[in-house]
Amino acid sequence: MKILVVEDDIMLGELLQECLQRLRHEQVRVCLSGQEAFNVIAEEVFDCAFVDLRLPDVDGLCLLTRIKQQDHGLPVVMMSGFPTMDHTIEAMRKGASDFLTKPFTLQDVALTLERITKEKQLLLRNLSLQLEIQARKELEEVNRQLESRINEQTRLFHISRQMDEIRSSEELYPRIVQLASTLESVEKVSFFLVPQDGTSLVSMACCGWKPDDCWPQKIGFSEDRMRELLGNGTSHVVIGPDEIQASFENALQTDSMLSCWPMRIRGEPFGLLIAFHGNASPSISAEETRLFDFLIRKASLAVENMALYESLISNFYGILKSLVNALEAKDLYTGKHSERVTRYATEVARILGCSGPQIESMQTVGYLHDIGKIGVRDSILNKPGPLTAAEYEIVKKHPAIGDSIVSELGLSPEERSIIRHHHERWDGAGYPDGLAGNDIPLLARIVSVVDAFDAMTSERAYRHAMSREESLAELLRNRGRQFDPSALDAFMEVMKKTEPKE
């Protein structure tokens, strides 16, 4: 067949050209724009066209319309990495023969071309009035396949959208099993991680289990079976009812068939999705196989993207913490200030019943509460005497400077408030925004108390450190004025637990 490929991504166009040539379609023409493709079609005759939905100069659906006006019988396959249901339906209505969702495989391309070839043969037979009754039946089958393909595209789009919404590993595993459980033949499903020692599978999430089911949270398996499940290069392994007990140690009795879908990250085993099917058939439908494969590929990409993002954020936090350490190292009187504030503030947050995410935020972002002092001159920060009014106004800018430094980190408003609002006062006389009472976020109110205590008990170039008792008394004198009463009371409780022994 002579095939036209319209794809603005040069590398992807070349890969698709190579893929088609491997399928023995030697005449493959690649165009990088819609106008170039239309000019080529006006001069040459093709047997099939692959068109990207997004092109630099024209919408792929508009190009599809022009192609059909030029050559109504030319089969056109639309391609997209960001498909929507509306795009899929509109493409089919405009005469597209198929719709491929990126990333697709060589098998997907081969199946598409096979169906297009059958469709063209059908049209030729129909046009020549040969075997009219049989042609009608085949046309109905093509329509049924087309409807099935649209349904499949809908489900692929749903999987893609659901996986793209995941922002943390805590969401990932439940989402994988939930999506897998929506497939028709699946009764229940579990996702397991593969530990580094490779001796067992550890359950991370499951769906469809009844309270009296006893599928174990940890499954041991033989070395040979492990290689078969995770290392034989196939997309999945099917295990019949008779094989389950021999394959998995401590597995429950079942009459169901199992399908095991390995997830690999950069070539290394990462996890295993195990689905129970309601029938004991030794095979899974081609459509469900494609859906499972797509789900696993999307999940693998999600893991890699999250790992990359978390690595970048971790490195950035490390840089900021290094800057904080460097800042505090310049002042022998306030060294380790941020570390002490974070430790005590975390204890106060626990006493006040803060949630797990809030505790984690305090442990991470609390350390950076004074990061904005990087933007204040050392001559002011380390001045061996009281600050002038002008100098104090400069120092008061450090919360806003810190907020600006972390603004691109994707922190939540409450996390950023630790940095921006830890010098606000309960009575509204603080800075930088003059917030008062409960308008000040809770984590910032907690840091305000602990930060003040640590500052008072630290030596300064212009004054000696106050004693623990003097500092606590000063805090209590400002209860309900400078400090949130509940946050201060919780801090006092922490102090009672850490009273020095006589």
Protein backbone atom coordinates (compact mmCIF):
# COMPACT_ATOMS: atom_id res chain seq x y z
CA MET A 1 0.00 0.00 0.00
CA LYS A 2 1.03 3.60 -0.64
CA ILE A 3 0.56 5.49 2.63
CA LEU A 4 0.62 9.17 3.57
CA VAL A 5 1.64 10.20 7.14
CA VAL A 6 0.83 13.76 8.30
CA GLU A 7 2.70 14.34 11.57
CA ASP A 8 4.50 17.54 12.69
CA ASP A 9 6.70 15.64 15.17
CA ILE A 10 9.65 14.68 12.94
CA MET A 11 10.83 11.85 15.20
CA LEU A 12 7.36 10.34 15.56
CA GLY A 13 6.77 10.65 11.82
CA GLU A 14 9.98 8.78 11.11
CA LEU A 15 9.11 6.09 13.67
CA LEU A 16 5.67 5.59 12.12
CA GLN A 17 7.26 5.47 8.66
CA GLU A 18 9.67 2.78 9.87
CA CYS A 19 6.78 0.92 11.52
CA LEU A 20 4.76 0.90 8.29
CA GLN A 21 7.76 -0.19 6.25
CA ARG A 22 8.27 -3.07 8.65
CA LEU A 23 4.70 -4.07 7.80
CA ARG A 24 5.84 -4.21 4.13
CA HIS A 25 4.29 -0.92 3.07
CA GLU A 26 7.32 0.40 1.22
CA GLN A 27 5.85 3.60 -0.21
CA VAL A 28 5.37 5.86 2.82
CA ARG A 29 5.32 9.67 2.41
CA VAL A 30 5.68 11.86 5.52
CA CYS A 31 4.36 15.46 5.57
CA LEU A 32 5.00 17.90 8.42
CA SER A 33 2.03 20.22 7.82
CA GLY A 34 -1.57 20.13 6.59
CA GLN A 35 -0.90 22.32 3.56
CA GLU A 36 2.01 20.16 2.45
CA ALA A 37 -0.19 17.08 2.77
CA PHE A 38 -3.03 18.60 0.71
CA ASN A 39 -0.61 19.62 -2.04
CA VAL A 40 0.76 16.07 -2.16
CA ILE A 41 -2.73 14.50 -2.32
CA ALA A 42 -3.61 16.80 -5.22
CA GLU A 43 -0.73 15.30 -7.23
CA GLU A 44 -0.49 11.70 -6.00
CA VAL A 45 -2.86 8.83 -5.22
CA PHE A 46 -2.61 7.07 -1.87
CA ASP A 47 -4.19 3.95 -0.43
CA CYS A 48 -4.35 5.22 3.16
CA ALA A 49 -3.49 8.28 5.28
CA PHE A 50 -2.50 8.72 8.94
CA VAL A 51 -3.29 12.26 10.15
CA ASP A 52 -2.36 13.86 13.49
CA LEU A 53 -5.22 15.70 15.20
CA ARG A 54 -2.99 18.68 16.06
CA LEU A 55 -0.95 20.21 13.22
CA PRO A 56 0.95 23.52 13.23
CA ASP A 57 -1.05 25.15 10.42
CA VAL A 58 -4.47 23.46 10.32
CA ASP A 59 -6.76 21.42 12.56
CA GLY A 60 -6.54 17.70 11.79
CA LEU A 61 -10.34 17.43 11.46
CA CYS A 62 -10.33 20.24 8.86
CA LEU A 63 -7.63 18.41 6.91
CA LEU A 64 -9.74 15.23 7.12
CA THR A 65 -12.66 17.10 5.53
CA ARG A 66 -10.46 18.43 2.70
CA ILE A 67 -8.99 14.99 2.07
CA LYS A 68 -12.46 13.46 1.83
CA GLN A 69 -13.52 16.21 -0.59
CA GLN A 70 -10.47 15.45 -2.74
CA ASP A 71 -10.68 11.64 -2.49
CA HIS A 72 -13.82 10.37 -0.76
CA GLY A 73 -12.67 6.75 -0.85
CA LEU A 74 -9.28 7.35 0.80
CA PRO A 75 -9.22 5.69 4.27
CA VAL A 76 -7.97 8.15 6.91
CA VAL A 77 -6.73 7.17 10.38
CA MET A 78 -6.68 10.02 12.93
CA MET A 79 -3.99 10.09 15.65
CA SER A 80 -3.78 12.00 18.93
CA GLY A 81 -1.97 11.92 22.25
CA PHE A 82 -4.75 13.93 23.89
CA PRO A 83 -7.98 12.42 22.58
CA THR A 84 -11.43 13.49 23.66
CA MET A 85 -14.75 11.81 23.08
CA ASP A 86 -15.95 14.78 21.01
CA HIS A 87 -12.89 14.59 18.73
CA THR A 88 -13.32 10.84 18.26
CA ILE A 89 -17.01 11.06 17.37
CA GLU A 90 -16.47 14.06 15.09
CA ALA A 91 -13.64 12.28 13.26
CA MET A 92 -15.82 9.20 12.68
CA ARG A 93 -18.67 11.39 11.45
CA LYS A 94 -16.39 13.14 8.98
CA GLY A 95 -15.39 9.79 7.52
CA ALA A 96 -12.31 8.68 9.49
CA SER A 97 -11.74 4.96 9.29
CA ASP A 98 -10.10 4.68 12.71
CA PHE A 99 -8.67 6.69 15.61
CA LEU A 100 -5.33 5.74 17.21
CA THR A 101 -4.46 7.00 20.71
CA LYS A 102 -0.77 7.75 21.33
CA PRO A 103 1.27 5.95 22.50
CA PHE A 104 0.26 3.10 20.19
CA THR A 105 2.10 -0.08 19.29
CA LEU A 106 3.12 -1.80 16.08
CA GLN A 107 0.28 -4.28 16.71
CA ASP A 108 -2.23 -1.41 16.91
CA VAL A 109 -1.05 -0.09 13.52
CA ALA A 110 -1.15 -3.56 11.99
CA LEU A 111 -4.71 -4.20 13.24
CA THR A 112 -5.84 -0.83 11.92
CA LEU A 113 -4.40 -1.46 8.46
CA GLU A 114 -5.91 -4.93 8.42
CA ARG A 115 -9.35 -3.51 9.19
CA ILE A 116 -8.94 -0.76 6.58
CA THR A 117 -7.98 -3.32 3.98
CA LYS A 118 -11.09 -5.34 4.75
CA GLU A 119 -13.19 -2.20 4.61
CA LYS A 120 -11.84 -1.26 1.18
CA GLN A 121 -12.48 -4.76 -0.11
CA LEU A 122 -16.00 -4.53 1.20
CA LEU A 123 -16.61 -1.21 -0.54
CA LEU A 124 -15.29 -2.58 -3.83
CA ARG A 125 -17.58 -5.56 -3.63
CA ASN A 126 -20.49 -3.35 -2.72
CA LEU A 127 -19.82 -0.90 -5.54
CA SER A 128 -19.59 -3.70 -8.07
CA LEU A 129 -22.90 -5.14 -6.81
CA GLN A 130 -21.25 -8.51 -6.14
CA LEU A 131 -22.59 -10.65 -3.35
CA GLU A 132 -24.88 -7.84 -2.21
CA ILE A 133 -26.39 -9.76 0.71
CA GLN A 134 -23.03 -10.86 2.03
CA ALA A 135 -21.66 -7.34 1.59
CA ARG A 136 -24.52 -5.98 3.69
CA LYS A 137 -23.73 -8.39 6.48
CA GLU A 138 -20.06 -7.46 6.34
CA LEU A 139 -20.94 -3.78 6.37
CA GLU A 140 -23.02 -4.34 9.49
CA GLU A 141 -20.03 -6.04 11.05
CA VAL A 142 -17.81 -3.09 10.13
CA ASN A 143 -20.35 -0.75 11.74
CA ARG A 144 -20.42 -2.93 14.81
CA GLN A 145 -16.63 -2.82 14.95
CA LEU A 146 -16.74 0.94 14.47
CA GLU A 147 -19.16 1.31 17.36
CA SER A 148 -16.97 -0.97 19.45
CA ARG A 149 -13.95 1.11 18.52
CA ILE A 150 -15.72 4.32 19.57
CA ASN A 151 -16.63 2.68 22.89
CA GLU A 152 -13.05 1.59 23.32
CA GLN A 153 -11.79 5.10 22.56
CA THR A 154 -14.19 6.43 25.19
CA ARG A 155 -12.76 4.07 27.78
CA LEU A 156 -9.17 4.85 26.75
CA PHE A 157 -9.90 8.54 27.11
CA HIS A 158 -11.43 7.92 30.56
CA ILE A 159 -8.37 5.96 31.67
CA SER A 160 -6.04 8.63 30.32
CA ARG A 161 -7.91 11.45 32.05
CA GLN A 162 -8.12 9.60 35.38
CA MET A 163 -4.41 8.76 35.38
CA ASP A 164 -3.42 12.30 34.37
CA GLU A 165 -5.27 13.66 37.43
CA ILE A 166 -3.12 11.66 39.87
CA ARG A 167 -0.76 13.82 41.91
CA SER A 168 0.68 11.38 44.47
CA SER A 169 1.56 7.71 44.90
CA GLU A 170 -1.16 7.46 47.58
CA GLU A 171 -3.73 8.10 44.84
CA LEU A 172 -2.05 5.92 42.20
CA TYR A 173 -2.62 2.35 43.42
CA PRO A 174 -6.32 2.72 44.36
CA ARG A 175 -6.93 4.43 41.01
CA ILE A 176 -5.26 1.58 39.07
CA VAL A 177 -7.43 -1.12 40.66
CA GLN A 178 -10.57 1.02 40.38
CA LEU A 179 -10.05 1.51 36.64
CA ALA A 180 -9.19 -2.17 36.11
CA SER A 181 -12.33 -3.23 37.98
CA THR A 182 -14.55 -1.44 35.42
CA LEU A 183 -13.65 -3.94 32.69
CA GLU A 184 -16.52 -6.34 31.92
CA SER A 185 -14.86 -9.64 32.73
CA VAL A 186 -13.14 -8.47 35.94
CA GLU A 187 -14.70 -9.55 39.24
CA LYS A 188 -12.01 -8.24 41.59
CA VAL A 189 -8.50 -6.92 41.25
CA SER A 190 -5.41 -6.23 43.36
CA PHE A 191 -2.19 -4.32 42.76
CA PHE A 192 1.05 -5.58 44.30
CA LEU A 193 4.49 -4.02 44.56
CA VAL A 194 7.59 -6.10 43.85
CA PRO A 195 10.11 -5.64 46.72
CA GLN A 196 13.78 -5.36 45.85
CA ASP A 197 14.50 -8.82 47.24
CA GLY A 198 11.98 -10.21 44.73
CA THR A 199 10.77 -12.96 47.05
CA SER A 200 7.17 -11.84 47.48
CA LEU A 201 4.44 -9.46 46.33
CA VAL A 202 3.08 -6.83 48.74
CA SER A 203 -0.54 -5.72 48.30
CA MET A 204 -1.01 -1.97 47.90
CA ALA A 205 -4.68 -1.72 46.84
CA CYS A 206 -7.62 -3.93 45.92
CA CYS A 207 -11.16 -3.56 44.61
CA GLY A 208 -14.19 -5.86 44.51
CA TRP A 209 -13.33 -7.99 47.55
CA LYS A 210 -16.04 -8.99 49.99
CA PRO A 211 -15.45 -8.80 53.77
CA ASP A 212 -15.17 -12.60 54.04
CA ASP A 213 -12.63 -12.92 51.20
CA CYS A 214 -9.17 -13.90 52.37
CA TRP A 215 -6.78 -13.00 49.55
CA PRO A 216 -3.48 -12.38 51.40
CA GLN A 217 -1.76 -9.02 51.69
CA LYS A 218 1.55 -10.67 50.86
CA ILE A 219 2.07 -13.44 48.31
CA GLY A 220 5.13 -15.66 48.03
CA PHE A 221 5.95 -17.19 44.67
CA SER A 222 8.60 -19.45 43.26
CA GLU A 223 11.64 -18.09 41.46
CA ASP A 224 10.58 -19.71 38.19
CA ARG A 225 7.08 -18.29 38.43
CA MET A 226 8.48 -14.86 39.25
CA ARG A 227 10.52 -14.91 36.05
CA GLU A 228 7.45 -15.97 34.08
CA LEU A 229 5.24 -13.28 35.59
CA LEU A 230 7.72 -10.41 35.46
CA GLY A 231 10.48 -11.19 33.05
CA ASN A 232 9.28 -13.06 29.97
CA GLY A 233 8.64 -9.96 27.86
CA THR A 234 4.91 -10.58 27.29
CA SER A 235 2.22 -8.11 28.28
CA HIS A 236 0.51 -10.51 30.66
CA VAL A 237 0.25 -14.07 31.92
CA VAL A 238 -3.03 -15.98 32.31
CA ILE A 239 -3.36 -18.53 35.11
CA GLY A 240 -6.24 -21.01 35.17
CA PRO A 241 -8.00 -22.21 38.35
CA ASP A 242 -5.95 -25.42 38.50
CA GLU A 243 -2.66 -23.53 38.36
CA ILE A 244 -3.34 -20.87 40.99
CA GLN A 245 -2.39 -22.96 44.02
CA ALA A 246 0.80 -24.11 42.32
CA SER A 247 1.72 -20.58 41.28
CA PHE A 248 1.13 -18.66 44.52
CA GLU A 249 1.88 -19.71 48.06
CA ASN A 250 -0.95 -19.15 50.57
CA ALA A 251 -3.41 -18.17 47.81
CA LEU A 252 -7.13 -18.73 48.32
CA GLN A 253 -9.16 -21.41 46.60
CA THR A 254 -10.95 -20.04 43.55
CA ASP A 255 -12.73 -21.13 40.40
CA SER A 256 -11.78 -17.94 38.59
CA MET A 257 -9.10 -17.33 36.02
CA LEU A 258 -6.32 -14.88 36.89
CA SER A 259 -4.55 -12.48 34.56
CA CYS A 260 -1.29 -10.96 35.77
CA TRP A 261 -0.08 -7.68 34.23
CA PRO A 262 3.49 -6.64 35.10
CA MET A 263 4.42 -2.99 35.48
CA ARG A 264 8.02 -2.15 34.68
CA ILE A 265 9.79 1.14 35.34
CA ARG A 266 12.78 1.71 33.07
CA GLY A 267 12.96 -1.99 32.39
CA GLU A 268 12.90 -3.06 36.02
CA PRO A 269 9.97 -4.92 37.70
CA PHE A 270 7.93 -2.52 39.81
CA GLY A 271 4.48 -3.99 40.35
CA LEU A 272 1.94 -6.59 39.32
CA LEU A 273 -1.76 -6.09 38.63
CA ILE A 274 -3.70 -9.29 39.28
CA ALA A 275 -7.28 -9.51 38.03
CA PHE A 276 -9.85 -12.22 38.78
CA HIS A 277 -12.11 -12.98 35.83
CA GLY A 278 -15.60 -14.39 36.07
CA ASN A 279 -14.99 -17.16 33.56
CA ALA A 280 -12.35 -19.81 33.28
CA SER A 281 -11.60 -19.07 29.62
CA PRO A 282 -7.85 -19.36 28.87
CA SER A 283 -7.84 -16.04 27.01
CA ILE A 284 -8.90 -12.39 27.37
CA SER A 285 -10.59 -10.42 24.60
CA ALA A 286 -8.40 -8.29 22.36
CA GLU A 287 -10.23 -5.14 23.49
CA GLU A 288 -9.69 -5.81 27.18
CA THR A 289 -6.05 -6.69 26.47
CA ARG A 290 -5.57 -3.30 24.84
CA LEU A 291 -7.30 -1.55 27.75
CA PHE A 292 -5.17 -3.36 30.32
CA ASP A 293 -1.99 -2.63 28.36
CA PHE A 294 -2.91 1.05 28.05
CA LEU A 295 -3.69 1.28 31.77
CA ILE A 296 -0.34 -0.26 32.70
CA ARG A 297 1.55 2.04 30.31
CA LYS A 298 -0.19 5.13 31.68
CA ALA A 299 0.44 3.99 35.27
CA SER A 300 4.14 3.44 34.49
CA LEU A 301 4.40 6.93 33.03
CA ALA A 302 2.62 8.35 36.08
CA VAL A 303 5.12 6.66 38.41
CA GLU A 304 8.09 7.95 36.40
CA ASN A 305 6.67 11.47 36.23
CA MET A 306 5.92 11.54 39.95
CA ALA A 307 9.39 10.21 40.77
CA LEU A 308 10.97 12.87 38.55
CA TYR A 309 8.83 15.64 40.05
CA GLU A 310 9.48 14.50 43.62
CA SER A 311 13.21 14.30 42.86
CA LEU A 312 13.23 17.85 41.48
CA ILE A 313 11.24 19.17 44.42
CA SER A 314 13.43 17.28 46.89
CA ASN A 315 16.56 18.73 45.28
CA PHE A 316 15.07 22.21 45.36
CA TYR A 317 14.12 21.85 49.01
CA GLY A 318 17.67 20.65 49.64
CA ILE A 319 19.06 23.77 47.98
CA LEU A 320 16.77 26.01 50.03
CA LYS A 321 17.69 24.21 53.24
CA SER A 322 21.38 24.60 52.37
CA LEU A 323 20.78 28.32 51.92
CA VAL A 324 19.03 28.45 55.31
CA ASN A 325 21.98 26.62 56.90
CA ALA A 326 24.41 29.02 55.22
CA LEU A 327 22.34 31.96 56.43
CA GLU A 328 22.29 30.70 60.02
CA ALA A 329 25.98 29.74 59.91
CA LYS A 330 26.82 33.45 59.52
CA ASP A 331 25.22 34.16 62.90
CA LEU A 332 26.67 32.13 65.75
CA TYR A 333 23.80 33.29 67.95
CA THR A 334 20.94 31.84 65.86
CA GLY A 335 22.47 28.66 64.44
CA LYS A 336 19.98 25.77 64.12
CA HIS A 337 17.10 28.22 64.77
CA SER A 338 14.97 26.85 61.90
CA GLU A 339 15.59 23.26 62.97
CA ARG A 340 14.47 23.95 66.55
CA VAL A 341 11.41 25.91 65.45
CA THR A 342 10.34 23.12 63.10
CA ARG A 343 10.78 20.43 65.74
CA TYR A 344 8.72 22.22 68.41
CA ALA A 345 6.12 23.51 65.95
CA THR A 346 5.52 19.95 64.74
CA GLU A 347 4.87 18.82 68.33
CA VAL A 348 2.42 21.70 68.86
CA ALA A 349 0.61 20.80 65.63
CA ARG A 350 0.17 17.23 66.84
CA ILE A 351 -1.29 18.39 70.17
CA LEU A 352 -3.76 20.63 68.32
CA GLY A 353 -4.94 17.64 66.29
CA CYS A 354 -3.59 18.75 62.92
CA SER A 355 -4.05 16.29 60.06
CA GLY A 356 -1.31 14.07 58.66
CA PRO A 357 -0.77 16.31 55.60
CA GLN A 358 -0.55 19.37 57.89
CA ILE A 359 2.08 17.66 60.06
CA GLU A 360 4.04 16.74 56.93
CA SER A 361 3.77 20.33 55.66
CA MET A 362 5.10 21.66 58.95
CA GLN A 363 8.03 19.25 58.92
CA THR A 364 8.96 20.26 55.37
CA VAL A 365 8.07 23.93 55.02
CA GLY A 366 8.56 24.96 58.67
CA TYR A 367 12.29 24.66 58.12
CA LEU A 368 12.05 27.37 55.45
CA HIS A 369 10.03 29.92 57.44
CA ASP A 370 12.94 32.43 57.46
CA ILE A 371 14.18 31.73 53.91
CA GLY A 372 13.27 35.33 52.98
CA LYS A 373 16.15 36.65 55.12
CA ILE A 374 18.38 35.72 52.19
CA GLY A 375 17.09 38.97 50.67
CA VAL A 376 18.12 41.09 53.71
CA ARG A 377 21.64 42.52 53.95
CA ASP A 378 24.01 40.79 56.38
CA SER A 379 24.89 44.16 57.89
CA ILE A 380 21.30 44.44 59.10
CA LEU A 381 20.78 40.82 60.12
CA ASN A 382 24.01 40.70 62.12
CA LYS A 383 24.01 44.27 63.43
CA PRO A 384 25.53 44.27 66.95
CA GLY A 385 22.89 46.64 68.28
CA PRO A 386 19.23 47.61 68.04
CA LEU A 387 17.87 48.24 64.54
CA THR A 388 16.81 51.66 63.38
CA ALA A 389 13.22 52.18 62.26
CA ALA A 390 14.33 52.08 58.60
CA GLU A 391 16.32 48.89 59.14
CA TYR A 392 13.40 47.25 60.92
CA GLU A 393 11.15 48.04 57.94
CA ILE A 394 13.64 46.20 55.71
CA VAL A 395 13.66 43.16 58.01
CA LYS A 396 9.84 43.12 57.98
CA LYS A 397 9.98 42.39 54.26
CA HIS A 398 11.54 38.94 54.71
CA PRO A 399 8.23 36.97 54.98
CA ALA A 400 7.04 38.37 51.64
CA ILE A 401 10.47 37.75 50.09
CA GLY A 402 10.37 34.14 51.30
CA ASP A 403 6.87 33.67 49.87
CA SER A 404 8.14 34.92 46.52
CA ILE A 405 11.10 32.50 46.60
CA VAL A 406 8.86 29.43 47.04
CA SER A 407 6.02 30.68 44.80
CA GLU A 408 6.89 28.29 41.96
CA LEU A 409 7.20 25.17 44.14
CA GLY A 410 3.52 24.25 43.90
CA LEU A 411 2.99 24.58 47.65
CA SER A 412 -0.52 24.80 49.03
CA PRO A 413 -1.76 28.17 50.39
CA GLU A 414 -1.48 26.79 53.94
CA GLU A 415 2.13 25.72 53.34
CA ARG A 416 3.06 29.12 51.90
CA SER A 417 1.35 30.78 54.87
CA ILE A 418 4.02 29.34 57.19
CA ILE A 419 6.56 31.49 55.38
CA ARG A 420 4.44 34.57 54.67
CA HIS A 421 2.37 34.89 57.84
CA HIS A 422 4.52 33.69 60.76
CA HIS A 423 4.96 37.32 61.89
CA GLU A 424 1.25 38.18 61.86
CA ARG A 425 -0.27 38.95 65.27
CA TRP A 426 -3.50 37.71 66.83
CA ASP A 427 -4.58 41.35 67.33
CA GLY A 428 -3.88 42.28 63.68
CA ALA A 429 -0.82 44.44 64.35
CA GLY A 430 1.63 42.08 62.65
CA TYR A 431 3.14 41.97 59.15
CA PRO A 432 3.22 41.72 56.15
CA ASP A 433 -0.59 41.66 55.65
CA GLY A 434 -1.99 42.66 59.04
CA LEU A 435 -4.13 39.51 59.40
CA ALA A 436 -5.88 38.96 62.73
CA GLY A 437 -7.37 36.08 64.73
CA ASN A 438 -8.48 33.01 62.83
CA ASP A 439 -7.80 34.74 59.52
CA ILE A 440 -4.18 33.81 60.16
CA PRO A 441 -3.71 30.18 58.97
CA LEU A 442 -3.24 27.75 61.86
CA LEU A 443 0.26 26.52 60.90
CA ALA A 444 1.50 30.12 60.71
CA ARG A 445 0.02 30.84 64.17
CA ILE A 446 1.89 27.86 65.58
CA VAL A 447 5.22 28.92 64.05
CA SER A 448 4.68 32.47 65.34
CA VAL A 449 4.66 31.22 68.96
CA VAL A 450 7.63 28.87 68.62
CA ASP A 451 9.66 31.37 66.56
CA ALA A 452 9.21 34.06 69.23
CA PHE A 453 10.25 31.67 72.02
CA ASP A 454 13.38 30.54 70.21
CA ALA A 455 14.33 34.11 69.39
CA MET A 456 14.02 35.16 73.04
CA THR A 457 16.06 32.22 74.32
CA SER A 458 18.85 32.76 71.76
CA GLU A 459 21.91 34.93 72.39
CA ARG A 460 22.11 38.13 70.35
CA ALA A 461 25.05 40.41 69.69
CA TYR A 462 23.15 43.27 71.34
CA ARG A 463 21.59 41.34 74.27
CA HIS A 464 21.89 38.18 76.32
CA ALA A 465 19.45 35.29 75.90
CA MET A 466 16.43 35.34 78.14
CA SER A 467 15.91 32.37 80.41
CA ARG A 468 13.35 29.72 79.63
CA GLU A 469 11.10 30.94 82.45
CA GLU A 470 11.36 34.60 81.40
CA SER A 471 10.57 33.74 77.79
CA LEU A 472 7.53 31.66 78.70
CA ALA A 473 6.27 34.42 80.96
CA GLU A 474 6.64 36.93 78.13
CA LEU A 475 4.67 34.66 75.82
CA LEU A 476 1.87 34.38 78.37
CA ARG A 477 1.74 38.18 78.79
CA ASN A 478 1.01 38.40 75.05
CA ARG A 479 -1.59 35.61 75.02
CA GLY A 480 -4.59 36.81 73.05
CA ARG A 481 -2.71 39.88 71.82
CA GLN A 482 0.27 38.70 69.80
CA PHE A 483 -0.34 34.97 69.99
CA ASP A 484 -3.25 32.60 69.33
CA PRO A 485 -4.34 31.37 72.80
CA SER A 486 -4.88 27.76 71.66
CA ALA A 487 -1.50 27.59 69.90
CA LEU A 488 0.24 29.12 72.94
CA ASP A 489 -1.50 26.73 75.35
CA ALA A 490 -0.40 23.77 73.23
CA PHE A 491 3.17 25.10 73.20
CA MET A 492 3.12 25.41 76.98
CA GLU A 493 2.08 21.77 77.13
CA VAL A 494 5.07 20.85 74.96
CA MET A 495 7.34 22.86 77.26
CA LYS A 496 6.04 20.97 80.32
CA LYS A 497 7.02 17.71 78.66
CA THR A 498 10.52 19.03 77.96
CA GLU A 499 11.26 20.72 81.28
CA PRO A 500 14.94 20.31 82.20
CA LYS A 501 15.52 17.84 84.99
CA GLU A 502 16.87 19.28 88.23
